[in-house]
Each structure stands twice: as structure tokens, then as C-alpha cells.
Amino acid sequence: MSSWADRIACRLRNRLLHGCAASAPAVGIWLSAFIAVLPTVSFADGGTIRASKQDATHQVTVFTDPTPLRAGQVDVSVFVQDAGTGQPILGNRVDIEIASRGLPSEEIRLEATSAAASNKLFQAASFNLPHAGWWTFTVSVHRPHDSMRLQFELEAADPLPNWRSLWPWFCWPFFVIALFAMSAFSRRAPAPRNRAERRVRNAAHHSEV
């Protein structure tokens, strides 16, 4: 997901948790449902780990999104680290090649950059996967004297129908409204136990009088 959507989701989550502390169980249930209906891309620059490789100097990890992989918009993120310290390494050129199995001529070539990643410690590229089927991904990290290469295969499913990919964005406001309504009700309505205790106290007072 884009960074602006990440920020909106984060602000909503913090606001809801802060404003509805009095009804923690309800917050937990509704917030979980709210997060669950958001598209998979919502909370990470990366997605699912697909390959990882380490040598004497570098550790490279490759992520793809969405999960499961589908034809349509796909993000590939690459995280390059120092093998010894684990610190992120930026500045190496990262090339990505995606080829259809059985159709070598159908190939997509991209350069992953930090500018395309919402998390600037990653290098990412976004592209349109034209159809379902098996695809071979090759990621090459170019260093001053050599290159580090990772290769893996993934099967892409058919794209989701438009209504299935868009409905969460139309529905989430109703979850927020319901959450605030539940919170307001829980603050205004006394608990049944408190009502019972109040009636007992009132009855005792009248009997004393």
C-alpha cells in the first residue's frame, strides 16, 4: 500500500485505541475486524518472504506482494544487509527480471530503487503481472566487484474481480462508526450490576426511613 494509506490506517488505529479505552474488549474485536478487511498490502513494505541468501559480506532478502500472488499489480521489495552487523546497505544497483515459464520471450525487466519503496531501507519495484501461471523471478544485487543473484519461481493466481478488491475500502467506515457507537453506549449506560446495587441501596435507605 502507499505510504499515505499506511499513515491513515495508523492514525485511525491510534485514535480508536486512545478514545475507546473504556471498552477494551469491544475495541479488540472491532479493531481486529477492521484490520482484517484491509487489503494485504496495508502494513508492510515487502509482503511475504520469497527468497533469502547470505554470503561473506551481504544478506539479501526478497519479498513479494500481494499474498497469494495474483496477476495484476505486484510489488517486489529487496532488503540488503551487511552479513556481519545486519545493518541495511543502500546504494547497490538491484535488477529484477520476471519471466513466464515456457515463454522466455515474455520477460519483464525492472530496477528496484529506494525511491519506489515506502520504507526507505528497502529497494522496491512495482509492475503489472499480465496473466496467471508460473513465473521465474531473478534478483541481482550488483556490488563493486561482483553480483549476488537470487532466483525463485512463483505461481500467480487469476486477478481478483474488481468488487472483491475494492469492497474493503467502502466498508471500513462502517466498522469505525460501529466502534464509536459501541464506545459511546458503554460509557453512557451503567453496567447491570451497578443498577442492581443502586436498587438495593435505595431499598435499604427507604426501609431505614
N, C-alpha and C. Protein backbone atom coordinates (compact mmCIF):
# COMPACT_ATOMS: atom_id res chain seq x y z
N MET A 1 0.84 -1.16 0.00
CA MET A 1 0.00 0.00 0.00
C MET A 1 0.88 1.22 0.00
N SER A 2 0.35 2.31 -0.49
CA SER A 2 1.13 3.53 -0.50
C SER A 2 1.29 4.08 0.91
N SER A 3 2.29 4.96 1.09
CA SER A 3 2.61 5.46 2.42
C SER A 3 1.47 6.26 3.03
N TRP A 4 0.70 7.00 2.18
CA TRP A 4 -0.40 7.79 2.74
C TRP A 4 -1.45 6.89 3.35
N ALA A 5 -1.71 5.76 2.73
CA ALA A 5 -2.70 4.82 3.29
C ALA A 5 -2.19 4.22 4.59
N ASP A 6 -0.88 3.92 4.65
CA ASP A 6 -0.28 3.42 5.89
C ASP A 6 -0.50 4.41 7.02
N ARG A 7 -0.26 5.71 6.73
CA ARG A 7 -0.40 6.73 7.77
C ARG A 7 -1.85 6.85 8.23
N ILE A 8 -2.80 6.78 7.29
CA ILE A 8 -4.21 6.87 7.67
C ILE A 8 -4.60 5.71 8.57
N ALA A 9 -4.20 4.50 8.19
CA ALA A 9 -4.53 3.32 8.99
C ALA A 9 -3.92 3.43 10.38
N CYS A 10 -2.69 3.91 10.46
CA CYS A 10 -2.01 4.04 11.75
C CYS A 10 -2.71 5.06 12.63
N ARG A 11 -3.07 6.22 12.05
CA ARG A 11 -3.75 7.26 12.84
C ARG A 11 -5.11 6.77 13.34
N LEU A 12 -5.85 6.10 12.47
CA LEU A 12 -7.15 5.57 12.90
C LEU A 12 -6.99 4.59 14.04
N ARG A 13 -6.01 3.70 13.91
CA ARG A 13 -5.81 2.70 14.95
C ARG A 13 -5.45 3.36 16.28
N ASN A 14 -4.53 4.35 16.26
CA ASN A 14 -4.13 5.01 17.50
C ASN A 14 -5.29 5.79 18.10
N ARG A 15 -6.08 6.44 17.24
CA ARG A 15 -7.19 7.22 17.74
C ARG A 15 -8.24 6.36 18.40
N LEU A 16 -8.53 5.26 17.74
CA LEU A 16 -9.55 4.36 18.27
C LEU A 16 -9.13 3.77 19.59
N LEU A 17 -7.87 3.36 19.68
CA LEU A 17 -7.39 2.77 20.92
C LEU A 17 -7.39 3.78 22.04
N HIS A 18 -7.04 5.05 21.73
CA HIS A 18 -6.98 6.09 22.77
C HIS A 18 -8.39 6.50 23.22
N GLY A 19 -9.29 6.63 22.24
CA GLY A 19 -10.61 7.15 22.56
C GLY A 19 -11.55 6.13 23.17
N CYS A 20 -11.24 4.85 23.01
CA CYS A 20 -12.17 3.82 23.45
C CYS A 20 -11.57 2.91 24.51
N ALA A 21 -10.71 3.44 25.32
CA ALA A 21 -10.02 2.61 26.32
C ALA A 21 -11.00 2.01 27.31
N ALA A 22 -12.15 2.67 27.51
CA ALA A 22 -13.11 2.17 28.50
C ALA A 22 -13.77 0.88 28.06
N SER A 23 -13.76 0.59 26.76
CA SER A 23 -14.40 -0.64 26.27
C SER A 23 -13.37 -1.47 25.53
N ALA A 24 -12.35 -1.90 26.24
CA ALA A 24 -11.23 -2.62 25.62
C ALA A 24 -11.65 -3.87 24.88
N PRO A 25 -12.53 -4.73 25.42
CA PRO A 25 -12.90 -5.93 24.66
C PRO A 25 -13.55 -5.61 23.32
N ALA A 26 -14.44 -4.61 23.32
CA ALA A 26 -15.09 -4.24 22.07
C ALA A 26 -14.08 -3.68 21.09
N VAL A 27 -13.15 -2.87 21.60
CA VAL A 27 -12.11 -2.31 20.74
C VAL A 27 -11.31 -3.42 20.09
N GLY A 28 -10.94 -4.41 20.89
CA GLY A 28 -10.14 -5.50 20.34
C GLY A 28 -10.85 -6.24 19.24
N ILE A 29 -12.15 -6.54 19.45
CA ILE A 29 -12.92 -7.28 18.45
C ILE A 29 -13.08 -6.48 17.18
N TRP A 30 -13.52 -5.23 17.32
CA TRP A 30 -13.80 -4.44 16.14
C TRP A 30 -12.54 -3.99 15.43
N LEU A 31 -11.50 -3.68 16.17
CA LEU A 31 -10.25 -3.27 15.53
C LEU A 31 -9.65 -4.43 14.76
N SER A 32 -9.75 -5.64 15.31
CA SER A 32 -9.24 -6.81 14.59
C SER A 32 -10.00 -7.00 13.29
N ALA A 33 -11.31 -6.83 13.35
CA ALA A 33 -12.10 -6.97 12.13
C ALA A 33 -11.75 -5.89 11.12
N PHE A 34 -11.54 -4.67 11.62
CA PHE A 34 -11.18 -3.55 10.73
C PHE A 34 -9.87 -3.82 10.02
N ILE A 35 -8.88 -4.29 10.75
CA ILE A 35 -7.58 -4.57 10.14
C ILE A 35 -7.68 -5.74 9.17
N ALA A 36 -8.52 -6.72 9.52
CA ALA A 36 -8.61 -7.92 8.69
C ALA A 36 -9.17 -7.63 7.31
N VAL A 37 -10.06 -6.65 7.20
CA VAL A 37 -10.67 -6.41 5.90
C VAL A 37 -9.82 -5.51 5.02
N LEU A 38 -8.78 -4.92 5.57
CA LEU A 38 -7.91 -4.11 4.73
C LEU A 38 -7.14 -5.00 3.78
N PRO A 39 -6.80 -4.50 2.60
CA PRO A 39 -6.01 -5.30 1.69
C PRO A 39 -4.71 -5.73 2.31
N THR A 40 -4.17 -6.83 1.80
CA THR A 40 -2.98 -7.44 2.39
C THR A 40 -1.80 -6.50 2.40
N VAL A 41 -1.74 -5.56 1.47
CA VAL A 41 -0.57 -4.72 1.35
C VAL A 41 -0.48 -3.66 2.41
N SER A 42 -1.40 -3.64 3.25
CA SER A 42 -1.56 -2.49 4.08
C SER A 42 -0.47 -2.20 5.08
N PHE A 43 0.20 -3.16 5.62
CA PHE A 43 1.03 -2.89 6.78
C PHE A 43 2.50 -3.28 6.62
N ALA A 44 3.02 -3.37 5.42
CA ALA A 44 4.43 -3.67 5.31
C ALA A 44 4.95 -3.28 3.96
N ASP A 45 6.21 -2.82 3.96
CA ASP A 45 6.87 -2.61 2.70
C ASP A 45 7.58 -3.91 2.39
N GLY A 46 6.96 -4.79 1.68
CA GLY A 46 7.55 -6.08 1.40
C GLY A 46 6.49 -7.09 1.14
N GLY A 47 5.91 -7.67 2.15
CA GLY A 47 4.89 -8.69 1.98
C GLY A 47 5.40 -10.02 2.51
N THR A 48 5.46 -11.01 1.63
CA THR A 48 5.88 -12.36 2.01
C THR A 48 7.31 -12.61 1.56
N ILE A 49 8.11 -13.18 2.46
CA ILE A 49 9.49 -13.52 2.09
C ILE A 49 9.46 -14.65 1.07
N ARG A 50 10.17 -14.45 -0.05
CA ARG A 50 10.22 -15.44 -1.12
C ARG A 50 11.59 -16.08 -1.28
N ALA A 51 12.63 -15.35 -0.93
CA ALA A 51 13.99 -15.89 -1.07
C ALA A 51 14.92 -15.10 -0.16
N SER A 52 15.95 -15.79 0.32
CA SER A 52 16.97 -15.14 1.15
C SER A 52 18.30 -15.84 0.91
N LYS A 53 19.35 -15.04 0.85
CA LYS A 53 20.67 -15.60 0.57
C LYS A 53 21.73 -14.78 1.29
N GLN A 54 22.73 -15.47 1.80
CA GLN A 54 23.82 -14.80 2.52
C GLN A 54 25.15 -15.32 2.03
N ASP A 55 26.11 -14.39 1.89
CA ASP A 55 27.49 -14.80 1.61
C ASP A 55 28.39 -14.12 2.64
N ALA A 56 29.65 -13.97 2.35
CA ALA A 56 30.60 -13.46 3.34
C ALA A 56 30.32 -12.01 3.72
N THR A 57 29.72 -11.25 2.82
CA THR A 57 29.57 -9.81 3.09
C THR A 57 28.12 -9.32 3.12
N HIS A 58 27.21 -10.01 2.41
CA HIS A 58 25.86 -9.49 2.25
C HIS A 58 24.80 -10.54 2.61
N GLN A 59 23.69 -10.04 3.12
CA GLN A 59 22.47 -10.83 3.30
C GLN A 59 21.38 -10.14 2.48
N VAL A 60 20.75 -10.89 1.57
CA VAL A 60 19.73 -10.33 0.70
C VAL A 60 18.42 -11.10 0.90
N THR A 61 17.34 -10.36 1.12
CA THR A 61 16.02 -10.96 1.31
C THR A 61 15.05 -10.32 0.33
N VAL A 62 14.24 -11.16 -0.33
CA VAL A 62 13.31 -10.68 -1.34
C VAL A 62 11.88 -10.96 -0.88
N PHE A 63 11.03 -9.95 -1.00
CA PHE A 63 9.62 -10.05 -0.64
C PHE A 63 8.76 -9.78 -1.87
N THR A 64 7.57 -10.37 -1.90
CA THR A 64 6.60 -10.00 -2.93
C THR A 64 5.25 -9.74 -2.28
N ASP A 65 4.47 -8.96 -2.96
CA ASP A 65 3.12 -8.64 -2.51
C ASP A 65 2.26 -8.43 -3.76
N PRO A 66 1.02 -8.89 -3.81
CA PRO A 66 0.19 -9.40 -2.72
C PRO A 66 0.46 -10.87 -2.40
N THR A 67 -0.20 -11.32 -1.33
CA THR A 67 -0.15 -12.72 -0.92
C THR A 67 -1.57 -13.24 -0.79
N PRO A 68 -1.94 -14.29 -1.52
CA PRO A 68 -1.12 -15.00 -2.50
C PRO A 68 -0.88 -14.15 -3.75
N LEU A 69 0.16 -14.51 -4.48
CA LEU A 69 0.50 -13.76 -5.68
C LEU A 69 -0.61 -13.92 -6.72
N ARG A 70 -0.97 -12.80 -7.35
CA ARG A 70 -2.01 -12.80 -8.36
C ARG A 70 -1.58 -11.96 -9.55
N ALA A 71 -2.16 -12.26 -10.69
CA ALA A 71 -1.95 -11.40 -11.85
C ALA A 71 -2.49 -10.01 -11.53
N GLY A 72 -1.85 -9.00 -12.09
CA GLY A 72 -2.22 -7.62 -11.79
C GLY A 72 -1.05 -6.90 -11.15
N GLN A 73 -1.34 -5.92 -10.30
CA GLN A 73 -0.30 -5.12 -9.68
C GLN A 73 0.50 -5.95 -8.67
N VAL A 74 1.82 -5.98 -8.84
CA VAL A 74 2.71 -6.75 -7.96
C VAL A 74 3.85 -5.85 -7.51
N ASP A 75 4.22 -5.98 -6.24
CA ASP A 75 5.37 -5.26 -5.69
C ASP A 75 6.45 -6.27 -5.31
N VAL A 76 7.68 -5.97 -5.68
CA VAL A 76 8.84 -6.76 -5.26
C VAL A 76 9.75 -5.85 -4.46
N SER A 77 10.09 -6.24 -3.24
CA SER A 77 10.96 -5.45 -2.37
C SER A 77 12.20 -6.26 -2.02
N VAL A 78 13.33 -5.59 -1.99
CA VAL A 78 14.61 -6.25 -1.72
C VAL A 78 15.26 -5.54 -0.53
N PHE A 79 15.67 -6.34 0.45
CA PHE A 79 16.32 -5.81 1.65
C PHE A 79 17.75 -6.33 1.67
N VAL A 80 18.70 -5.42 1.54
CA VAL A 80 20.12 -5.77 1.51
C VAL A 80 20.75 -5.36 2.83
N GLN A 81 21.45 -6.30 3.47
CA GLN A 81 22.05 -6.05 4.78
C GLN A 81 23.52 -6.48 4.80
N ASP A 82 24.25 -5.89 5.72
CA ASP A 82 25.60 -6.34 5.99
C ASP A 82 25.51 -7.70 6.70
N ALA A 83 26.20 -8.69 6.19
CA ALA A 83 26.10 -10.04 6.75
C ALA A 83 26.62 -10.11 8.18
N GLY A 84 27.55 -9.25 8.53
CA GLY A 84 28.13 -9.29 9.86
C GLY A 84 27.34 -8.52 10.90
N THR A 85 26.90 -7.31 10.54
CA THR A 85 26.24 -6.44 11.51
C THR A 85 24.72 -6.41 11.38
N GLY A 86 24.21 -6.82 10.22
CA GLY A 86 22.77 -6.74 10.00
C GLY A 86 22.29 -5.37 9.59
N GLN A 87 23.20 -4.41 9.47
CA GLN A 87 22.83 -3.05 9.09
C GLN A 87 22.40 -3.00 7.62
N PRO A 88 21.37 -2.20 7.31
CA PRO A 88 20.94 -2.07 5.90
C PRO A 88 22.05 -1.48 5.04
N ILE A 89 22.13 -1.94 3.81
CA ILE A 89 23.08 -1.42 2.83
C ILE A 89 22.29 -0.85 1.67
N LEU A 90 22.51 0.42 1.38
CA LEU A 90 21.85 1.08 0.26
C LEU A 90 22.90 1.51 -0.76
N GLY A 91 22.48 1.71 -1.97
CA GLY A 91 23.41 2.19 -2.99
C GLY A 91 23.80 1.16 -4.03
N ASN A 92 23.60 -0.12 -3.73
CA ASN A 92 23.87 -1.14 -4.74
C ASN A 92 22.73 -1.18 -5.75
N ARG A 93 23.09 -1.29 -7.01
CA ARG A 93 22.05 -1.43 -8.03
C ARG A 93 21.39 -2.80 -7.89
N VAL A 94 20.04 -2.82 -7.92
CA VAL A 94 19.29 -4.06 -7.81
C VAL A 94 18.41 -4.20 -9.05
N ASP A 95 18.64 -5.24 -9.83
CA ASP A 95 17.85 -5.52 -11.03
C ASP A 95 16.94 -6.71 -10.79
N ILE A 96 15.72 -6.63 -11.33
CA ILE A 96 14.74 -7.69 -11.19
C ILE A 96 14.27 -8.11 -12.59
N GLU A 97 14.28 -9.41 -12.82
CA GLU A 97 13.77 -9.96 -14.08
C GLU A 97 12.66 -10.96 -13.74
N ILE A 98 11.55 -10.85 -14.46
CA ILE A 98 10.43 -11.77 -14.26
C ILE A 98 10.10 -12.37 -15.61
N ALA A 99 10.16 -13.69 -15.72
CA ALA A 99 9.92 -14.38 -16.99
C ALA A 99 8.85 -15.44 -16.80
N SER A 100 7.96 -15.55 -17.79
CA SER A 100 6.91 -16.56 -17.76
C SER A 100 7.51 -17.92 -18.10
N ARG A 101 7.15 -18.95 -17.29
CA ARG A 101 7.64 -20.30 -17.57
C ARG A 101 7.07 -20.78 -18.92
N GLY A 102 7.96 -21.26 -19.76
CA GLY A 102 7.54 -21.73 -21.07
C GLY A 102 7.47 -20.65 -22.12
N LEU A 103 7.58 -19.40 -21.69
CA LEU A 103 7.56 -18.27 -22.63
C LEU A 103 8.71 -17.33 -22.30
N PRO A 104 9.94 -17.72 -22.58
CA PRO A 104 11.10 -16.90 -22.22
C PRO A 104 11.08 -15.51 -22.83
N SER A 105 10.39 -15.38 -23.96
CA SER A 105 10.34 -14.07 -24.61
C SER A 105 9.46 -13.09 -23.83
N GLU A 106 8.57 -13.63 -23.00
CA GLU A 106 7.69 -12.77 -22.20
C GLU A 106 8.41 -12.44 -20.89
N GLU A 107 9.18 -11.39 -20.93
CA GLU A 107 10.04 -11.05 -19.80
C GLU A 107 9.84 -9.60 -19.40
N ILE A 108 9.90 -9.37 -18.09
CA ILE A 108 9.79 -8.02 -17.53
C ILE A 108 11.10 -7.70 -16.83
N ARG A 109 11.67 -6.54 -17.15
CA ARG A 109 12.93 -6.12 -16.52
C ARG A 109 12.70 -4.81 -15.77
N LEU A 110 13.17 -4.78 -14.53
CA LEU A 110 12.96 -3.62 -13.67
C LEU A 110 14.20 -3.34 -12.85
N GLU A 111 14.32 -2.10 -12.40
CA GLU A 111 15.33 -1.75 -11.40
C GLU A 111 14.62 -1.38 -10.11
N ALA A 112 15.00 -2.02 -9.03
CA ALA A 112 14.42 -1.71 -7.72
C ALA A 112 15.16 -0.52 -7.12
N THR A 113 14.40 0.43 -6.59
CA THR A 113 15.00 1.64 -6.02
C THR A 113 14.39 1.95 -4.67
N SER A 114 15.11 2.68 -3.85
CA SER A 114 14.56 3.10 -2.56
C SER A 114 13.47 4.15 -2.75
N ALA A 115 13.53 4.90 -3.86
CA ALA A 115 12.50 5.90 -4.13
C ALA A 115 11.13 5.26 -4.31
N ALA A 116 11.10 4.03 -4.83
CA ALA A 116 9.83 3.34 -5.06
C ALA A 116 9.32 2.62 -3.83
N ALA A 117 10.10 2.59 -2.75
CA ALA A 117 9.71 1.89 -1.52
C ALA A 117 9.21 2.88 -0.49
N SER A 118 8.13 2.51 0.23
CA SER A 118 7.66 3.37 1.31
C SER A 118 8.60 3.30 2.51
N ASN A 119 9.23 2.16 2.73
CA ASN A 119 10.29 2.02 3.73
C ASN A 119 11.62 2.20 3.00
N LYS A 120 12.31 3.29 3.28
CA LYS A 120 13.49 3.65 2.51
C LYS A 120 14.70 2.77 2.79
N LEU A 121 14.56 1.81 3.69
CA LEU A 121 15.63 0.83 3.89
C LEU A 121 15.54 -0.30 2.87
N PHE A 122 14.42 -0.35 2.15
CA PHE A 122 14.20 -1.34 1.10
C PHE A 122 14.46 -0.71 -0.27
N GLN A 123 14.62 -1.56 -1.25
CA GLN A 123 14.61 -1.14 -2.64
C GLN A 123 13.50 -1.93 -3.32
N ALA A 124 12.61 -1.22 -4.00
CA ALA A 124 11.38 -1.86 -4.47
C ALA A 124 11.09 -1.50 -5.92
N ALA A 125 10.25 -2.33 -6.53
CA ALA A 125 9.75 -2.07 -7.88
C ALA A 125 8.33 -2.59 -7.96
N SER A 126 7.50 -1.89 -8.71
CA SER A 126 6.11 -2.27 -8.88
C SER A 126 5.84 -2.44 -10.37
N PHE A 127 5.04 -3.45 -10.71
CA PHE A 127 4.76 -3.71 -12.11
C PHE A 127 3.45 -4.45 -12.24
N ASN A 128 2.99 -4.60 -13.48
CA ASN A 128 1.76 -5.31 -13.75
C ASN A 128 2.09 -6.69 -14.30
N LEU A 129 1.70 -7.73 -13.54
CA LEU A 129 1.90 -9.11 -13.99
C LEU A 129 0.75 -9.44 -14.94
N PRO A 130 1.06 -9.73 -16.20
CA PRO A 130 0.00 -9.77 -17.22
C PRO A 130 -1.00 -10.92 -17.12
N HIS A 131 -0.61 -12.06 -16.57
CA HIS A 131 -1.55 -13.19 -16.53
C HIS A 131 -1.14 -14.18 -15.45
N ALA A 132 -2.06 -15.08 -15.15
CA ALA A 132 -1.79 -16.13 -14.16
C ALA A 132 -0.83 -17.16 -14.74
N GLY A 133 -0.27 -17.98 -13.84
CA GLY A 133 0.65 -19.03 -14.27
C GLY A 133 1.95 -18.97 -13.49
N TRP A 134 2.91 -19.79 -13.91
CA TRP A 134 4.20 -19.85 -13.23
C TRP A 134 5.16 -18.79 -13.80
N TRP A 135 5.84 -18.10 -12.87
CA TRP A 135 6.79 -17.05 -13.24
C TRP A 135 8.11 -17.27 -12.51
N THR A 136 9.21 -17.00 -13.20
CA THR A 136 10.54 -17.09 -12.61
C THR A 136 11.04 -15.69 -12.29
N PHE A 137 11.40 -15.48 -11.03
CA PHE A 137 11.92 -14.18 -10.57
C PHE A 137 13.43 -14.31 -10.38
N THR A 138 14.18 -13.38 -10.96
CA THR A 138 15.62 -13.33 -10.77
C THR A 138 15.99 -11.95 -10.25
N VAL A 139 16.63 -11.92 -9.09
CA VAL A 139 17.04 -10.66 -8.46
C VAL A 139 18.57 -10.62 -8.42
N SER A 140 19.15 -9.56 -8.95
CA SER A 140 20.61 -9.41 -9.00
C SER A 140 21.01 -8.15 -8.26
N VAL A 141 21.85 -8.31 -7.24
CA VAL A 141 22.38 -7.18 -6.47
C VAL A 141 23.82 -6.97 -6.94
N HIS A 142 24.05 -5.82 -7.56
CA HIS A 142 25.36 -5.54 -8.15
C HIS A 142 26.25 -4.82 -7.14
N ARG A 143 27.40 -5.44 -6.88
CA ARG A 143 28.39 -4.87 -5.96
C ARG A 143 29.59 -4.37 -6.76
N PRO A 144 30.52 -3.66 -6.13
CA PRO A 144 31.64 -3.09 -6.89
C PRO A 144 32.41 -4.11 -7.73
N HIS A 145 32.58 -5.34 -7.24
CA HIS A 145 33.43 -6.31 -7.96
C HIS A 145 32.68 -7.55 -8.44
N ASP A 146 31.43 -7.73 -8.00
CA ASP A 146 30.67 -8.90 -8.44
C ASP A 146 29.19 -8.65 -8.22
N SER A 147 28.39 -9.68 -8.43
CA SER A 147 26.94 -9.59 -8.23
C SER A 147 26.47 -10.77 -7.41
N MET A 148 25.41 -10.54 -6.66
CA MET A 148 24.77 -11.60 -5.88
C MET A 148 23.41 -11.86 -6.51
N ARG A 149 23.11 -13.10 -6.81
CA ARG A 149 21.91 -13.44 -7.57
C ARG A 149 21.02 -14.40 -6.81
N LEU A 150 19.73 -14.11 -6.81
CA LEU A 150 18.72 -14.98 -6.21
C LEU A 150 17.68 -15.29 -7.27
N GLN A 151 17.21 -16.53 -7.31
CA GLN A 151 16.19 -16.93 -8.27
C GLN A 151 15.16 -17.83 -7.60
N PHE A 152 13.90 -17.62 -7.93
CA PHE A 152 12.83 -18.44 -7.37
C PHE A 152 11.65 -18.40 -8.34
N GLU A 153 10.74 -19.37 -8.18
CA GLU A 153 9.56 -19.45 -9.02
C GLU A 153 8.30 -19.32 -8.17
N LEU A 154 7.29 -18.65 -8.72
CA LEU A 154 6.02 -18.48 -8.04
C LEU A 154 4.89 -18.69 -9.03
N GLU A 155 3.81 -19.26 -8.52
CA GLU A 155 2.61 -19.40 -9.35
C GLU A 155 1.65 -18.28 -9.01
N ALA A 156 1.25 -17.54 -10.01
CA ALA A 156 0.31 -16.44 -9.83
C ALA A 156 -1.10 -16.90 -10.14
N ALA A 157 -2.02 -16.56 -9.26
CA ALA A 157 -3.43 -16.89 -9.47
C ALA A 157 -4.07 -15.83 -10.36
N ASP A 158 -5.31 -16.10 -10.75
CA ASP A 158 -6.05 -15.11 -11.53
C ASP A 158 -6.30 -13.86 -10.69
N PRO A 159 -6.44 -12.72 -11.33
CA PRO A 159 -6.71 -11.49 -10.56
C PRO A 159 -8.07 -11.55 -9.90
N LEU A 160 -8.20 -10.83 -8.78
CA LEU A 160 -9.49 -10.75 -8.10
C LEU A 160 -10.46 -9.92 -8.93
N PRO A 161 -11.75 -10.26 -8.89
CA PRO A 161 -12.74 -9.37 -9.51
C PRO A 161 -12.66 -7.98 -8.87
N ASN A 162 -13.03 -6.97 -9.61
CA ASN A 162 -12.91 -5.59 -9.11
C ASN A 162 -13.65 -5.38 -7.80
N TRP A 163 -14.87 -5.97 -7.69
CA TRP A 163 -15.64 -5.73 -6.46
C TRP A 163 -14.96 -6.33 -5.25
N ARG A 164 -14.24 -7.46 -5.41
CA ARG A 164 -13.57 -8.08 -4.27
C ARG A 164 -12.33 -7.31 -3.86
N SER A 165 -11.70 -6.62 -4.78
CA SER A 165 -10.50 -5.86 -4.43
C SER A 165 -10.85 -4.49 -3.84
N LEU A 166 -12.09 -4.00 -4.12
CA LEU A 166 -12.44 -2.65 -3.67
C LEU A 166 -13.37 -2.61 -2.47
N TRP A 167 -14.11 -3.72 -2.20
CA TRP A 167 -15.14 -3.63 -1.16
C TRP A 167 -14.60 -3.27 0.21
N PRO A 168 -13.38 -3.69 0.63
CA PRO A 168 -12.94 -3.29 1.98
C PRO A 168 -12.85 -1.79 2.16
N TRP A 169 -12.50 -1.07 1.09
CA TRP A 169 -12.34 0.38 1.21
C TRP A 169 -13.69 1.08 1.34
N PHE A 170 -14.76 0.46 0.85
CA PHE A 170 -16.09 1.03 1.02
C PHE A 170 -16.69 0.65 2.37
N CYS A 171 -16.25 -0.48 2.93
CA CYS A 171 -16.87 -0.99 4.16
C CYS A 171 -16.22 -0.49 5.44
N TRP A 172 -14.92 -0.13 5.39
CA TRP A 172 -14.25 0.16 6.66
C TRP A 172 -14.85 1.34 7.42
N PRO A 173 -15.44 2.38 6.75
CA PRO A 173 -16.05 3.45 7.57
C PRO A 173 -17.16 2.93 8.47
N PHE A 174 -17.90 1.89 8.03
CA PHE A 174 -18.98 1.36 8.86
C PHE A 174 -18.43 0.70 10.12
N PHE A 175 -17.24 0.06 10.02
CA PHE A 175 -16.61 -0.53 11.19
C PHE A 175 -16.23 0.57 12.19
N VAL A 176 -15.71 1.68 11.68
CA VAL A 176 -15.30 2.78 12.55
C VAL A 176 -16.52 3.38 13.25
N ILE A 177 -17.61 3.61 12.48
CA ILE A 177 -18.82 4.18 13.06
C ILE A 177 -19.39 3.24 14.14
N ALA A 178 -19.42 1.96 13.84
CA ALA A 178 -19.95 0.99 14.81
C ALA A 178 -19.09 0.97 16.07
N LEU A 179 -17.77 1.09 15.90
CA LEU A 179 -16.88 1.07 17.05
C LEU A 179 -17.13 2.27 17.96
N PHE A 180 -17.28 3.46 17.36
CA PHE A 180 -17.54 4.65 18.16
C PHE A 180 -18.91 4.56 18.83
N ALA A 181 -19.89 3.99 18.14
CA ALA A 181 -21.22 3.85 18.73
C ALA A 181 -21.17 2.93 19.94
N MET A 182 -20.44 1.81 19.81
CA MET A 182 -20.32 0.89 20.94
C MET A 182 -19.61 1.54 22.11
N SER A 183 -18.58 2.34 21.79
CA SER A 183 -17.84 3.02 22.85
C SER A 183 -18.72 4.02 23.58
N ALA A 184 -19.51 4.80 22.80
CA ALA A 184 -20.39 5.80 23.42
C ALA A 184 -21.45 5.13 24.28
N PHE A 185 -22.00 4.02 23.81
CA PHE A 185 -23.02 3.30 24.58
C PHE A 185 -22.45 2.76 25.88
N SER A 186 -21.21 2.22 25.80
CA SER A 186 -20.61 1.63 27.00
C SER A 186 -20.30 2.69 28.04
N ARG A 187 -20.05 3.93 27.60
CA ARG A 187 -19.76 5.00 28.57
C ARG A 187 -21.03 5.55 29.22
N ARG A 188 -22.13 5.56 28.45
CA ARG A 188 -23.36 6.17 28.95
C ARG A 188 -24.22 5.21 29.76
N ALA A 189 -24.27 3.97 29.33
CA ALA A 189 -25.15 3.01 30.01
C ALA A 189 -24.44 2.38 31.18
N PRO A 190 -24.97 2.51 32.42
CA PRO A 190 -24.34 1.84 33.56
C PRO A 190 -24.43 0.34 33.42
N ALA A 191 -23.49 -0.34 33.97
CA ALA A 191 -23.47 -1.80 33.92
C ALA A 191 -24.66 -2.34 34.72
N PRO A 192 -25.22 -3.48 34.30
CA PRO A 192 -26.36 -4.07 35.04
C PRO A 192 -26.06 -4.27 36.50
N ARG A 193 -24.84 -4.65 36.82
CA ARG A 193 -24.51 -4.88 38.23
C ARG A 193 -24.64 -3.59 39.03
N ASN A 194 -24.20 -2.46 38.45
CA ASN A 194 -24.29 -1.19 39.15
C ASN A 194 -25.74 -0.79 39.36
N ARG A 195 -26.59 -1.08 38.39
CA ARG A 195 -28.01 -0.78 38.57
C ARG A 195 -28.60 -1.59 39.72
N ALA A 196 -28.27 -2.87 39.77
CA ALA A 196 -28.80 -3.73 40.83
C ALA A 196 -28.34 -3.23 42.20
N GLU A 197 -27.06 -2.88 42.30
CA GLU A 197 -26.54 -2.39 43.57
C GLU A 197 -27.24 -1.09 43.97
N ARG A 198 -27.53 -0.23 42.96
CA ARG A 198 -28.21 1.02 43.27
C ARG A 198 -29.61 0.76 43.80
N ARG A 199 -30.33 -0.20 43.21
CA ARG A 199 -31.68 -0.52 43.70
C ARG A 199 -31.63 -1.07 45.12
N VAL A 200 -30.62 -1.91 45.40
CA VAL A 200 -30.50 -2.45 46.76
C VAL A 200 -30.25 -1.33 47.76
N ARG A 201 -29.36 -0.40 47.40
CA ARG A 201 -29.07 0.72 48.31
C ARG A 201 -30.30 1.58 48.53
N ASN A 202 -31.06 1.84 47.45
CA ASN A 202 -32.26 2.65 47.60
C ASN A 202 -33.31 1.96 48.48
N ALA A 203 -33.45 0.65 48.29
CA ALA A 203 -34.43 -0.09 49.10
C ALA A 203 -34.02 -0.06 50.57
N ALA A 204 -32.72 -0.20 50.85
CA ALA A 204 -32.24 -0.16 52.23
C ALA A 204 -32.47 1.21 52.85
N HIS A 205 -32.28 2.24 52.04
CA HIS A 205 -32.48 3.60 52.56
C HIS A 205 -33.94 3.84 52.91
N HIS A 206 -34.86 3.40 52.02
CA HIS A 206 -36.28 3.60 52.30
C HIS A 206 -36.72 2.80 53.52
N SER A 207 -36.17 1.62 53.72
CA SER A 207 -36.58 0.83 54.88
C SER A 207 -36.11 1.47 56.17
N GLU A 208 -34.93 2.13 56.11
CA GLU A 208 -34.44 2.83 57.31
C GLU A 208 -35.32 4.02 57.65
N VAL A 209 -35.80 4.70 56.58
CA VAL A 209 -36.65 5.85 56.80
C VAL A 209 -38.01 5.41 57.35
